[in-house]
Amino acid sequence: MDDLQSAEESAFIAEEVERIVESSIETHLKDQAHDETKVARWIDSICETCMQDLADLGKPFKYVITCAIMQKNGAGLHTANSSYWDTVSDGCVTVKWPGDKSKEQNKTLYCIVSVYGLQF
């Protein structure tokens, strides 16, 4: 039983990471309109907040976080990622904000955050 609990405590849990990312994005962008002069600061703040909250989990992971903020103007955006890792212990989560089913809709910007967790 202790082994199972220990394994769960050190696992990459996608739902837990998603909550952290969504909370960070909401904190920094919820009532914001797109402003090119603020985008770099928002990206830095979102990444720093996510990294701190993930580190506070105390799990044995190295994290890589990417963030993109794009103005809603009808242009398309395509992204992809690829990883060669341990599929049992490592993981990746990508959050698009606002989500398709989100009650909160921002009419001026999109945000996409990806978090990669690599167990050490």
PDB file of N, CA and C in Angstrom:
ATOM      1  N   MET A   1       0.825  -1.195   0.000  1.00  0.00           N
ATOM      2  CA  MET A   1       0.000   0.000   0.000  1.00  0.00           C
ATOM      3  C   MET A   1       0.869   1.258   0.000  1.00  0.00           C
ATOM      4  N   ASP A   2       1.953   1.261   0.782  1.00  0.00           N
ATOM      5  CA  ASP A   2       2.837   2.418   0.818  1.00  0.00           C
ATOM      6  C   ASP A   2       3.495   2.658  -0.535  1.00  0.00           C
ATOM      7  N   ASP A   3       3.827   1.563  -1.257  1.00  0.00           N
ATOM      8  CA  ASP A   3       4.430   1.708  -2.577  1.00  0.00           C
ATOM      9  C   ASP A   3       3.464   2.379  -3.544  1.00  0.00           C
ATOM     10  N   LEU A   4       2.186   2.006  -3.484  1.00  0.00           N
ATOM     11  CA  LEU A   4       1.174   2.600  -4.349  1.00  0.00           C
ATOM     12  C   LEU A   4       0.994   4.080  -4.026  1.00  0.00           C
ATOM     13  N   GLN A   5       0.927   4.396  -2.755  1.00  0.00           N
ATOM     14  CA  GLN A   5       0.774   5.787  -2.341  1.00  0.00           C
ATOM     15  C   GLN A   5       2.008   6.589  -2.742  1.00  0.00           C
ATOM     16  N   SER A   6       3.185   6.015  -2.552  1.00  0.00           N
ATOM     17  CA  SER A   6       4.422   6.685  -2.916  1.00  0.00           C
ATOM     18  C   SER A   6       4.491   6.924  -4.420  1.00  0.00           C
ATOM     19  N   ALA A   7       4.074   5.928  -5.210  1.00  0.00           N
ATOM     20  CA  ALA A   7       4.080   6.074  -6.664  1.00  0.00           C
ATOM     21  C   ALA A   7       3.118   7.171  -7.103  1.00  0.00           C
ATOM     22  N   GLU A   8       1.958   7.249  -6.476  1.00  0.00           N
ATOM     23  CA  GLU A   8       0.976   8.268  -6.834  1.00  0.00           C
ATOM     24  C   GLU A   8       1.465   9.657  -6.442  1.00  0.00           C
ATOM     25  N   GLU A   9       2.126   9.757  -5.306  1.00  0.00           N
ATOM     26  CA  GLU A   9       2.634  11.047  -4.850  1.00  0.00           C
ATOM     27  C   GLU A   9       3.724  11.582  -5.763  1.00  0.00           C
ATOM     28  N   SER A  10       4.430  10.695  -6.469  1.00  0.00           N
ATOM     29  CA  SER A  10       5.506  11.141  -7.347  1.00  0.00           C
ATOM     30  C   SER A  10       5.124  11.063  -8.825  1.00  0.00           C
ATOM     31  N   ALA A  11       3.858  10.812  -9.129  1.00  0.00           N
ATOM     32  CA  ALA A  11       3.407  10.671 -10.517  1.00  0.00           C
ATOM     33  C   ALA A  11       3.083  12.025 -11.139  1.00  0.00           C
ATOM     34  N   PHE A  12       3.178  12.088 -12.452  1.00  0.00           N
ATOM     35  CA  PHE A  12       2.734  13.254 -13.208  1.00  0.00           C
ATOM     36  C   PHE A  12       1.231  13.093 -13.407  1.00  0.00           C
ATOM     37  N   ILE A  13       0.461  13.892 -12.709  1.00  0.00           N
ATOM     38  CA  ILE A  13      -0.999  13.793 -12.768  1.00  0.00           C
ATOM     39  C   ILE A  13      -1.509  14.952 -13.619  1.00  0.00           C
ATOM     40  N   ALA A  14      -1.979  14.617 -14.821  1.00  0.00           N
ATOM     41  CA  ALA A  14      -2.373  15.632 -15.801  1.00  0.00           C
ATOM     42  C   ALA A  14      -3.429  16.592 -15.253  1.00  0.00           C
ATOM     43  N   GLU A  15      -4.421  16.069 -14.551  1.00  0.00           N
ATOM     44  CA  GLU A  15      -5.501  16.917 -14.038  1.00  0.00           C
ATOM     45  C   GLU A  15      -4.974  17.948 -13.042  1.00  0.00           C
ATOM     46  N   GLU A  16      -4.027  17.544 -12.229  1.00  0.00           N
ATOM     47  CA  GLU A  16      -3.417  18.440 -11.246  1.00  0.00           C
ATOM     48  C   GLU A  16      -2.659  19.566 -11.959  1.00  0.00           C
ATOM     49  N   VAL A  17      -1.912  19.214 -12.987  1.00  0.00           N
ATOM     50  CA  VAL A  17      -1.152  20.197 -13.759  1.00  0.00           C
ATOM     51  C   VAL A  17      -2.105  21.132 -14.504  1.00  0.00           C
ATOM     52  N   GLU A  18      -3.162  20.592 -15.091  1.00  0.00           N
ATOM     53  CA  GLU A  18      -4.155  21.421 -15.786  1.00  0.00           C
ATOM     54  C   GLU A  18      -4.760  22.465 -14.858  1.00  0.00           C
ATOM     55  N   ARG A  19      -5.102  22.068 -13.642  1.00  0.00           N
ATOM     56  CA  ARG A  19      -5.678  23.024 -12.676  1.00  0.00           C
ATOM     57  C   ARG A  19      -4.695  24.155 -12.381  1.00  0.00           C
ATOM     58  N   ILE A  20      -3.431  23.815 -12.217  1.00  0.00           N
ATOM     59  CA  ILE A  20      -2.412  24.832 -11.943  1.00  0.00           C
ATOM     60  C   ILE A  20      -2.300  25.801 -13.113  1.00  0.00           C
ATOM     61  N   VAL A  21      -2.242  25.274 -14.323  1.00  0.00           N
ATOM     62  CA  VAL A  21      -2.103  26.114 -15.514  1.00  0.00           C
ATOM     63  C   VAL A  21      -3.337  26.994 -15.701  1.00  0.00           C
ATOM     64  N   GLU A  22      -4.521  26.414 -15.606  1.00  0.00           N
ATOM     65  CA  GLU A  22      -5.753  27.193 -15.774  1.00  0.00           C
ATOM     66  C   GLU A  22      -5.853  28.304 -14.740  1.00  0.00           C
ATOM     67  N   SER A  23      -5.478  28.014 -13.511  1.00  0.00           N
ATOM     68  CA  SER A  23      -5.513  29.023 -12.455  1.00  0.00           C
ATOM     69  C   SER A  23      -4.556  30.172 -12.765  1.00  0.00           C
ATOM     70  N   SER A  24      -3.365  29.843 -13.227  1.00  0.00           N
ATOM     71  CA  SER A  24      -2.385  30.873 -13.555  1.00  0.00           C
ATOM     72  C   SER A  24      -2.867  31.753 -14.705  1.00  0.00           C
ATOM     73  N   ILE A  25      -3.389  31.128 -15.740  1.00  0.00           N
ATOM     74  CA  ILE A  25      -3.889  31.902 -16.882  1.00  0.00           C
ATOM     75  C   ILE A  25      -5.029  32.815 -16.440  1.00  0.00           C
ATOM     76  N   GLU A  26      -5.981  32.274 -15.692  1.00  0.00           N
ATOM     77  CA  GLU A  26      -7.114  33.080 -15.214  1.00  0.00           C
ATOM     78  C   GLU A  26      -6.627  34.263 -14.382  1.00  0.00           C
ATOM     79  N   THR A  27      -5.665  34.021 -13.511  1.00  0.00           N
ATOM     80  CA  THR A  27      -5.136  35.082 -12.658  1.00  0.00           C
ATOM     81  C   THR A  27      -4.575  36.236 -13.482  1.00  0.00           C
ATOM     82  N   HIS A  28      -3.866  35.909 -14.546  1.00  0.00           N
ATOM     83  CA  HIS A  28      -3.160  36.945 -15.303  1.00  0.00           C
ATOM     84  C   HIS A  28      -3.938  37.511 -16.491  1.00  0.00           C
ATOM     85  N   LEU A  29      -4.910  36.760 -17.032  1.00  0.00           N
ATOM     86  CA  LEU A  29      -5.552  37.206 -18.268  1.00  0.00           C
ATOM     87  C   LEU A  29      -7.060  37.405 -18.204  1.00  0.00           C
ATOM     88  N   LYS A  30      -7.691  37.001 -17.123  1.00  0.00           N
ATOM     89  CA  LYS A  30      -9.158  36.944 -17.076  1.00  0.00           C
ATOM     90  C   LYS A  30      -9.845  38.192 -17.620  1.00  0.00           C
ATOM     91  N   ASP A  31      -9.497  39.350 -17.160  1.00  0.00           N
ATOM     92  CA  ASP A  31     -10.193  40.576 -17.562  1.00  0.00           C
ATOM     93  C   ASP A  31      -9.347  41.457 -18.479  1.00  0.00           C
ATOM     94  N   GLN A  32      -8.388  40.863 -19.160  1.00  0.00           N
ATOM     95  CA  GLN A  32      -7.472  41.635 -19.993  1.00  0.00           C
ATOM     96  C   GLN A  32      -7.922  41.657 -21.451  1.00  0.00           C
ATOM     97  N   ALA A  33      -7.669  42.773 -22.105  1.00  0.00           N
ATOM     98  CA  ALA A  33      -7.827  42.884 -23.554  1.00  0.00           C
ATOM     99  C   ALA A  33      -6.431  42.794 -24.160  1.00  0.00           C
ATOM    100  N   HIS A  34      -6.343  42.262 -25.372  1.00  0.00           N
ATOM    101  CA  HIS A  34      -5.028  42.111 -25.996  1.00  0.00           C
ATOM    102  C   HIS A  34      -4.328  43.458 -26.074  1.00  0.00           C
ATOM    103  N   ASP A  35      -3.090  43.481 -25.621  1.00  0.00           N
ATOM    104  CA  ASP A  35      -2.257  44.680 -25.659  1.00  0.00           C
ATOM    105  C   ASP A  35      -0.835  44.201 -25.913  1.00  0.00           C
ATOM    106  N   GLU A  36      -0.349  44.445 -27.114  1.00  0.00           N
ATOM    107  CA  GLU A  36       0.961  43.931 -27.515  1.00  0.00           C
ATOM    108  C   GLU A  36       2.068  44.351 -26.553  1.00  0.00           C
ATOM    109  N   THR A  37       1.930  45.504 -25.921  1.00  0.00           N
ATOM    110  CA  THR A  37       2.969  45.976 -25.005  1.00  0.00           C
ATOM    111  C   THR A  37       3.000  45.183 -23.700  1.00  0.00           C
ATOM    112  N   LYS A  38       1.946  44.413 -23.411  1.00  0.00           N
ATOM    113  CA  LYS A  38       1.875  43.648 -22.164  1.00  0.00           C
ATOM    114  C   LYS A  38       2.090  42.147 -22.355  1.00  0.00           C
ATOM    115  N   VAL A  39       2.087  41.676 -23.598  1.00  0.00           N
ATOM    116  CA  VAL A  39       2.128  40.236 -23.859  1.00  0.00           C
ATOM    117  C   VAL A  39       3.361  39.572 -23.254  1.00  0.00           C
ATOM    118  N   ALA A  40       4.532  40.145 -23.435  1.00  0.00           N
ATOM    119  CA  ALA A  40       5.761  39.533 -22.900  1.00  0.00           C
ATOM    120  C   ALA A  40       5.688  39.402 -21.378  1.00  0.00           C
ATOM    121  N   ARG A  41       5.171  40.417 -20.710  1.00  0.00           N
ATOM    122  CA  ARG A  41       5.047  40.378 -19.247  1.00  0.00           C
ATOM    123  C   ARG A  41       4.043  39.311 -18.822  1.00  0.00           C
ATOM    124  N   TRP A  42       2.920  39.204 -19.538  1.00  0.00           N
ATOM    125  CA  TRP A  42       1.927  38.172 -19.218  1.00  0.00           C
ATOM    126  C   TRP A  42       2.528  36.780 -19.372  1.00  0.00           C
ATOM    127  N   ILE A  43       3.246  36.562 -20.468  1.00  0.00           N
ATOM    128  CA  ILE A  43       3.861  35.250 -20.704  1.00  0.00           C
ATOM    129  C   ILE A  43       4.833  34.912 -19.582  1.00  0.00           C
ATOM    130  N   ASP A  44       5.703  35.855 -19.231  1.00  0.00           N
ATOM    131  CA  ASP A  44       6.653  35.619 -18.137  1.00  0.00           C
ATOM    132  C   ASP A  44       5.926  35.301 -16.837  1.00  0.00           C
ATOM    133  N   SER A  45       4.892  36.065 -16.525  1.00  0.00           N
ATOM    134  CA  SER A  45       4.158  35.864 -15.270  1.00  0.00           C
ATOM    135  C   SER A  45       3.452  34.514 -15.233  1.00  0.00           C
ATOM    136  N   ILE A  46       2.829  34.127 -16.340  1.00  0.00           N
ATOM    137  CA  ILE A  46       2.144  32.832 -16.398  1.00  0.00           C
ATOM    138  C   ILE A  46       3.148  31.700 -16.214  1.00  0.00           C
ATOM    139  N   CYS A  47       4.265  31.753 -16.929  1.00  0.00           N
ATOM    140  CA  CYS A  47       5.279  30.697 -16.810  1.00  0.00           C
ATOM    141  C   CYS A  47       5.866  30.638 -15.401  1.00  0.00           C
ATOM    142  N   GLU A  48       6.174  31.795 -14.823  1.00  0.00           N
ATOM    143  CA  GLU A  48       6.746  31.820 -13.475  1.00  0.00           C
ATOM    144  C   GLU A  48       5.765  31.288 -12.436  1.00  0.00           C
ATOM    145  N   THR A  49       4.500  31.684 -12.529  1.00  0.00           N
ATOM    146  CA  THR A  49       3.496  31.207 -11.578  1.00  0.00           C
ATOM    147  C   THR A  49       3.309  29.702 -11.697  1.00  0.00           C
ATOM    148  N   CYS A  50       3.201  29.206 -12.928  1.00  0.00           N
ATOM    149  CA  CYS A  50       3.064  27.756 -13.133  1.00  0.00           C
ATOM    150  C   CYS A  50       4.271  27.020 -12.565  1.00  0.00           C
ATOM    151  N   MET A  51       5.470  27.513 -12.862  1.00  0.00           N
ATOM    152  CA  MET A  51       6.682  26.839 -12.396  1.00  0.00           C
ATOM    153  C   MET A  51       6.733  26.803 -10.872  1.00  0.00           C
ATOM    154  N   GLN A  52       6.397  27.908 -10.224  1.00  0.00           N
ATOM    155  CA  GLN A  52       6.427  27.948  -8.761  1.00  0.00           C
ATOM    156  C   GLN A  52       5.407  26.983  -8.171  1.00  0.00           C
ATOM    157  N   ASP A  53       4.191  26.985  -8.711  1.00  0.00           N
ATOM    158  CA  ASP A  53       3.145  26.095  -8.195  1.00  0.00           C
ATOM    159  C   ASP A  53       3.484  24.628  -8.443  1.00  0.00           C
ATOM    160  N   LEU A  54       4.092  24.318  -9.575  1.00  0.00           N
ATOM    161  CA  LEU A  54       4.515  22.940  -9.849  1.00  0.00           C
ATOM    162  C   LEU A  54       5.649  22.535  -8.913  1.00  0.00           C
ATOM    163  N   ALA A  55       6.603  23.421  -8.695  1.00  0.00           N
ATOM    164  CA  ALA A  55       7.710  23.125  -7.778  1.00  0.00           C
ATOM    165  C   ALA A  55       7.190  22.909  -6.361  1.00  0.00           C
ATOM    166  N   ASP A  56       6.163  23.661  -5.982  1.00  0.00           N
ATOM    167  CA  ASP A  56       5.583  23.524  -4.645  1.00  0.00           C
ATOM    168  C   ASP A  56       4.933  22.159  -4.419  1.00  0.00           C
ATOM    169  N   LEU A  57       4.617  21.438  -5.498  1.00  0.00           N
ATOM    170  CA  LEU A  57       4.067  20.088  -5.346  1.00  0.00           C
ATOM    171  C   LEU A  57       5.098  19.132  -4.752  1.00  0.00           C
ATOM    172  N   GLY A  58       6.377  19.456  -4.897  1.00  0.00           N
ATOM    173  CA  GLY A  58       7.438  18.631  -4.323  1.00  0.00           C
ATOM    174  C   GLY A  58       7.625  17.296  -5.023  1.00  0.00           C
ATOM    175  N   LYS A  59       7.273  17.231  -6.290  1.00  0.00           N
ATOM    176  CA  LYS A  59       7.409  15.974  -7.028  1.00  0.00           C
ATOM    177  C   LYS A  59       8.761  15.934  -7.738  1.00  0.00           C
ATOM    178  N   PRO A  60       9.273  14.729  -7.996  1.00  0.00           N
ATOM    179  CA  PRO A  60      10.607  14.597  -8.601  1.00  0.00           C
ATOM    180  C   PRO A  60      10.577  14.811 -10.118  1.00  0.00           C
ATOM    181  N   PHE A  61      10.281  16.036 -10.532  1.00  0.00           N
ATOM    182  CA  PHE A  61      10.197  16.346 -11.956  1.00  0.00           C
ATOM    183  C   PHE A  61      11.012  17.578 -12.299  1.00  0.00           C
ATOM    184  N   LYS A  62      11.561  17.552 -13.492  1.00  0.00           N
ATOM    185  CA  LYS A  62      12.063  18.756 -14.136  1.00  0.00           C
ATOM    186  C   LYS A  62      10.928  19.188 -15.053  1.00  0.00           C
ATOM    187  N   TYR A  63      10.636  20.477 -15.078  1.00  0.00           N
ATOM    188  CA  TYR A  63       9.519  20.973 -15.875  1.00  0.00           C
ATOM    189  C   TYR A  63      10.017  21.895 -16.983  1.00  0.00           C
ATOM    190  N   VAL A  64       9.357  21.817 -18.108  1.00  0.00           N
ATOM    191  CA  VAL A  64       9.553  22.741 -19.214  1.00  0.00           C
ATOM    192  C   VAL A  64       8.177  23.325 -19.509  1.00  0.00           C
ATOM    193  N   ILE A  65       8.097  24.654 -19.567  1.00  0.00           N
ATOM    194  CA  ILE A  65       6.812  25.318 -19.794  1.00  0.00           C
ATOM    195  C   ILE A  65       6.948  26.242 -20.996  1.00  0.00           C
ATOM    196  N   THR A  66       5.987  26.157 -21.912  1.00  0.00           N
ATOM    197  CA  THR A  66       5.921  27.097 -23.025  1.00  0.00           C
ATOM    198  C   THR A  66       4.578  27.810 -22.964  1.00  0.00           C
ATOM    199  N   CYS A  67       4.577  29.052 -23.403  1.00  0.00           N
ATOM    200  CA  CYS A  67       3.345  29.843 -23.390  1.00  0.00           C
ATOM    201  C   CYS A  67       3.302  30.694 -24.650  1.00  0.00           C
ATOM    202  N   ALA A  68       2.155  30.714 -25.291  1.00  0.00           N
ATOM    203  CA  ALA A  68       1.934  31.576 -26.453  1.00  0.00           C
ATOM    204  C   ALA A  68       0.640  32.344 -26.234  1.00  0.00           C
ATOM    205  N   ILE A  69       0.688  33.632 -26.488  1.00  0.00           N
ATOM    206  CA  ILE A  69      -0.507  34.470 -26.429  1.00  0.00           C
ATOM    207  C   ILE A  69      -0.678  35.084 -27.812  1.00  0.00           C
ATOM    208  N   MET A  70      -1.890  34.971 -28.333  1.00  0.00           N
ATOM    209  CA  MET A  70      -2.156  35.431 -29.690  1.00  0.00           C
ATOM    210  C   MET A  70      -3.432  36.256 -29.723  1.00  0.00           C
ATOM    211  N   GLN A  71      -3.383  37.320 -30.478  1.00  0.00           N
ATOM    212  CA  GLN A  71      -4.565  38.159 -30.645  1.00  0.00           C
ATOM    213  C   GLN A  71      -5.612  37.414 -31.463  1.00  0.00           C
ATOM    214  N   LYS A  72      -6.878  37.539 -31.047  1.00  0.00           N
ATOM    215  CA  LYS A  72      -7.982  36.960 -31.820  1.00  0.00           C
ATOM    216  C   LYS A  72      -8.299  37.917 -32.963  1.00  0.00           C
ATOM    217  N   ASN A  73      -7.898  37.518 -34.148  1.00  0.00           N
ATOM    218  CA  ASN A  73      -8.175  38.358 -35.313  1.00  0.00           C
ATOM    219  C   ASN A  73      -8.551  37.527 -36.533  1.00  0.00           C
ATOM    220  N   GLY A  74      -8.878  36.265 -36.316  1.00  0.00           N
ATOM    221  CA  GLY A  74      -9.280  35.401 -37.410  1.00  0.00           C
ATOM    222  C   GLY A  74      -8.154  34.587 -38.016  1.00  0.00           C
ATOM    223  N   ALA A  75      -6.917  34.874 -37.645  1.00  0.00           N
ATOM    224  CA  ALA A  75      -5.779  34.117 -38.173  1.00  0.00           C
ATOM    225  C   ALA A  75      -5.715  32.751 -37.499  1.00  0.00           C
ATOM    226  N   GLY A  76      -5.201  31.788 -38.209  1.00  0.00           N
ATOM    227  CA  GLY A  76      -5.062  30.447 -37.651  1.00  0.00           C
ATOM    228  C   GLY A  76      -3.732  30.277 -36.936  1.00  0.00           C
ATOM    229  N   LEU A  77      -3.672  29.273 -36.083  1.00  0.00           N
ATOM    230  CA  LEU A  77      -2.435  28.926 -35.391  1.00  0.00           C
ATOM    231  C   LEU A  77      -2.382  27.415 -35.278  1.00  0.00           C
ATOM    232  N   HIS A  78      -1.274  26.856 -35.703  1.00  0.00           N
ATOM    233  CA  HIS A  78      -1.071  25.416 -35.595  1.00  0.00           C
ATOM    234  C   HIS A  78       0.186  25.191 -34.770  1.00  0.00           C
ATOM    235  N   THR A  79       0.104  24.301 -33.813  1.00  0.00           N
ATOM    236  CA  THR A  79       1.267  23.968 -33.003  1.00  0.00           C
ATOM    237  C   THR A  79       1.395  22.455 -32.927  1.00  0.00           C
ATOM    238  N   ALA A  80       2.593  22.004 -32.617  1.00  0.00           N
ATOM    239  CA  ALA A  80       2.834  20.574 -32.429  1.00  0.00           C
ATOM    240  C   ALA A  80       3.982  20.417 -31.454  1.00  0.00           C
ATOM    241  N   ASN A  81       4.031  19.272 -30.807  1.00  0.00           N
ATOM    242  CA  ASN A  81       5.173  18.958 -29.963  1.00  0.00           C
ATOM    243  C   ASN A  81       5.455  17.472 -30.093  1.00  0.00           C
ATOM    244  N   SER A  82       6.681  17.120 -29.823  1.00  0.00           N
ATOM    245  CA  SER A  82       7.091  15.729 -29.912  1.00  0.00           C
ATOM    246  C   SER A  82       8.084  15.464 -28.796  1.00  0.00           C
ATOM    247  N   SER A  83       8.006  14.291 -28.224  1.00  0.00           N
ATOM    248  CA  SER A  83       8.886  13.956 -27.104  1.00  0.00           C
ATOM    249  C   SER A  83       9.340  12.511 -27.219  1.00  0.00           C
ATOM    250  N   TYR A  84      10.557  12.269 -26.799  1.00  0.00           N
ATOM    251  CA  TYR A  84      11.086  10.915 -26.697  1.00  0.00           C
ATOM    252  C   TYR A  84      11.452  10.745 -25.232  1.00  0.00           C
ATOM    253  N   TRP A  85      10.599  10.020 -24.490  1.00  0.00           N
ATOM    254  CA  TRP A  85      10.781   9.940 -23.055  1.00  0.00           C
ATOM    255  C   TRP A  85      10.186   8.661 -22.517  1.00  0.00           C
ATOM    256  N   ASP A  86      10.173   8.561 -21.207  1.00  0.00           N
ATOM    257  CA  ASP A  86       9.588   7.405 -20.532  1.00  0.00           C
ATOM    258  C   ASP A  86       8.084   7.641 -20.434  1.00  0.00           C
ATOM    259  N   THR A  87       7.312   6.896 -21.200  1.00  0.00           N
ATOM    260  CA  THR A  87       5.864   7.117 -21.245  1.00  0.00           C
ATOM    261  C   THR A  87       5.154   6.735 -19.953  1.00  0.00           C
ATOM    262  N   VAL A  88       5.837   6.007 -19.081  1.00  0.00           N
ATOM    263  CA  VAL A  88       5.236   5.619 -17.804  1.00  0.00           C
ATOM    264  C   VAL A  88       5.350   6.747 -16.784  1.00  0.00           C
ATOM    265  N   SER A  89       6.496   7.414 -16.732  1.00  0.00           N
ATOM    266  CA  SER A  89       6.717   8.388 -15.661  1.00  0.00           C
ATOM    267  C   SER A  89       6.638   9.849 -16.107  1.00  0.00           C
ATOM    268  N   ASP A  90       6.867  10.137 -17.372  1.00  0.00           N
ATOM    269  CA  ASP A  90       6.870  11.515 -17.846  1.00  0.00           C
ATOM    270  C   ASP A  90       5.507  11.872 -18.433  1.00  0.00           C
ATOM    271  N   GLY A  91       5.259  13.166 -18.599  1.00  0.00           N
ATOM    272  CA  GLY A  91       3.973  13.559 -19.145  1.00  0.00           C
ATOM    273  C   GLY A  91       3.977  14.961 -19.716  1.00  0.00           C
ATOM    274  N   CYS A  92       2.914  15.272 -20.425  1.00  0.00           N
ATOM    275  CA  CYS A  92       2.745  16.585 -21.038  1.00  0.00           C
ATOM    276  C   CYS A  92       1.275  16.980 -20.961  1.00  0.00           C
ATOM    277  N   VAL A  93       1.040  18.246 -20.697  1.00  0.00           N
ATOM    278  CA  VAL A  93      -0.314  18.802 -20.672  1.00  0.00           C
ATOM    279  C   VAL A  93      -0.293  20.088 -21.488  1.00  0.00           C
ATOM    280  N   THR A  94      -1.283  20.260 -22.344  1.00  0.00           N
ATOM    281  CA  THR A  94      -1.450  21.508 -23.082  1.00  0.00           C
ATOM    282  C   THR A  94      -2.834  22.065 -22.762  1.00  0.00           C
ATOM    283  N   VAL A  95      -2.859  23.340 -22.382  1.00  0.00           N
ATOM    284  CA  VAL A  95      -4.113  24.009 -22.033  1.00  0.00           C
ATOM    285  C   VAL A  95      -4.325  25.162 -23.002  1.00  0.00           C
ATOM    286  N   LYS A  96      -5.479  25.180 -23.657  1.00  0.00           N
ATOM    287  CA  LYS A  96      -5.885  26.295 -24.513  1.00  0.00           C
ATOM    288  C   LYS A  96      -6.889  27.121 -23.716  1.00  0.00           C
ATOM    289  N   TRP A  97      -6.652  28.429 -23.678  1.00  0.00           N
ATOM    290  CA  TRP A  97      -7.548  29.306 -22.934  1.00  0.00           C
ATOM    291  C   TRP A  97      -7.994  30.446 -23.828  1.00  0.00           C
ATOM    292  N   PRO A  98      -9.219  30.836 -23.824  1.00  0.00           N
ATOM    293  CA  PRO A  98     -10.279  30.141 -23.108  1.00  0.00           C
ATOM    294  C   PRO A  98     -10.624  28.840 -23.815  1.00  0.00           C
ATOM    295  N   GLY A  99     -10.994  27.847 -23.036  1.00  0.00           N
ATOM    296  CA  GLY A  99     -11.341  26.543 -23.586  1.00  0.00           C
ATOM    297  C   GLY A  99     -12.637  26.597 -24.381  1.00  0.00           C
ATOM    298  N   ASP A 100     -12.844  25.609 -25.204  1.00  0.00           N
ATOM    299  CA  ASP A 100     -14.047  25.567 -26.037  1.00  0.00           C
ATOM    300  C   ASP A 100     -15.324  25.538 -25.207  1.00  0.00           C
ATOM    301  N   LYS A 101     -15.270  24.917 -24.030  1.00  0.00           N
ATOM    302  CA  LYS A 101     -16.458  24.790 -23.178  1.00  0.00           C
ATOM    303  C   LYS A 101     -16.445  25.769 -22.009  1.00  0.00           C
ATOM    304  N   SER A 102     -15.503  26.701 -22.029  1.00  0.00           N
ATOM    305  CA  SER A 102     -15.345  27.639 -20.927  1.00  0.00           C
ATOM    306  C   SER A 102     -16.489  28.643 -20.881  1.00  0.00           C
ATOM    307  N   LYS A 103     -16.944  28.933 -19.664  1.00  0.00           N
ATOM    308  CA  LYS A 103     -17.951  29.976 -19.479  1.00  0.00           C
ATOM    309  C   LYS A 103     -17.332  31.345 -19.737  1.00  0.00           C
ATOM    310  N   GLU A 104     -16.067  31.471 -19.349  1.00  0.00           N
ATOM    311  CA  GLU A 104     -15.351  32.728 -19.542  1.00  0.00           C
ATOM    312  C   GLU A 104     -14.806  32.771 -20.967  1.00  0.00           C
ATOM    313  N   GLN A 105     -15.235  33.727 -21.750  1.00  0.00           N
ATOM    314  CA  GLN A 105     -14.715  33.883 -23.102  1.00  0.00           C
ATOM    315  C   GLN A 105     -14.030  35.238 -23.211  1.00  0.00           C
ATOM    316  N   ASN A 106     -12.829  35.228 -23.737  1.00  0.00           N
ATOM    317  CA  ASN A 106     -12.104  36.460 -23.969  1.00  0.00           C
ATOM    318  C   ASN A 106     -12.218  36.760 -25.458  1.00  0.00           C
ATOM    319  N   LYS A 107     -12.680  37.933 -25.790  1.00  0.00           N
ATOM    320  CA  LYS A 107     -12.937  38.270 -27.184  1.00  0.00           C
ATOM    321  C   LYS A 107     -11.704  38.776 -27.923  1.00  0.00           C
ATOM    322  N   THR A 108     -10.588  38.984 -27.208  1.00  0.00           N
ATOM    323  CA  THR A 108      -9.439  39.610 -27.861  1.00  0.00           C
ATOM    324  C   THR A 108      -8.175  38.766 -27.908  1.00  0.00           C
ATOM    325  N   LEU A 109      -8.092  37.669 -27.130  1.00  0.00           N
ATOM    326  CA  LEU A 109      -6.848  36.901 -27.152  1.00  0.00           C
ATOM    327  C   LEU A 109      -7.056  35.434 -26.820  1.00  0.00           C
ATOM    328  N   TYR A 110      -6.065  34.644 -27.242  1.00  0.00           N
ATOM    329  CA  TYR A 110      -5.957  33.223 -26.905  1.00  0.00           C
ATOM    330  C   TYR A 110      -4.663  33.028 -26.138  1.00  0.00           C
ATOM    331  N   CYS A 111      -4.627  32.000 -25.322  1.00  0.00           N
ATOM    332  CA  CYS A 111      -3.393  31.620 -24.637  1.00  0.00           C
ATOM    333  C   CYS A 111      -3.272  30.098 -24.699  1.00  0.00           C
ATOM    334  N   ILE A 112      -2.092  29.621 -25.055  1.00  0.00           N
ATOM    335  CA  ILE A 112      -1.825  28.185 -25.086  1.00  0.00           C
ATOM    336  C   ILE A 112      -0.575  27.930 -24.254  1.00  0.00           C
ATOM    337  N   VAL A 113      -0.718  27.085 -23.240  1.00  0.00           N
ATOM    338  CA  VAL A 113       0.401  26.741 -22.355  1.00  0.00           C
ATOM    339  C   VAL A 113       0.613  25.235 -22.403  1.00  0.00           C
ATOM    340  N   SER A 114       1.861  24.836 -22.590  1.00  0.00           N
ATOM    341  CA  SER A 114       2.229  23.419 -22.525  1.00  0.00           C
ATOM    342  C   SER A 114       3.209  23.223 -21.385  1.00  0.00           C
ATOM    343  N   VAL A 115       2.997  22.159 -20.620  1.00  0.00           N
ATOM    344  CA  VAL A 115       3.890  21.798 -19.518  1.00  0.00           C
ATOM    345  C   VAL A 115       4.378  20.383 -19.765  1.00  0.00           C
ATOM    346  N   TYR A 116       5.685  20.223 -19.755  1.00  0.00           N
ATOM    347  CA  TYR A 116       6.314  18.912 -19.890  1.00  0.00           C
ATOM    348  C   TYR A 116       6.926  18.570 -18.543  1.00  0.00           C
ATOM    349  N   GLY A 117       6.627  17.397 -18.032  1.00  0.00           N
ATOM    350  CA  GLY A 117       7.194  16.941 -16.770  1.00  0.00           C
ATOM    351  C   GLY A 117       8.064  15.723 -17.018  1.00  0.00           C
ATOM    352  N   LEU A 118       9.344  15.832 -16.676  1.00  0.00           N
ATOM    353  CA  LEU A 118      10.293  14.739 -16.869  1.00  0.00           C
ATOM    354  C   LEU A 118      10.821  14.304 -15.514  1.00  0.00           C
ATOM    355  N   GLN A 119      10.501  13.082 -15.147  1.00  0.00           N
ATOM    356  CA  GLN A 119      10.874  12.588 -13.824  1.00  0.00           C
ATOM    357  C   GLN A 119      12.375  12.340 -13.751  1.00  0.00           C
ATOM    358  N   PHE A 120      12.960  12.715 -12.600  1.00  0.00           N
ATOM    359  CA  PHE A 120      14.392  12.436 -12.390  1.00  0.00           C
ATOM    360  C   PHE A 120      14.589  11.537 -11.213  1.00  0.00           C
TER     361      PHE A 120
END
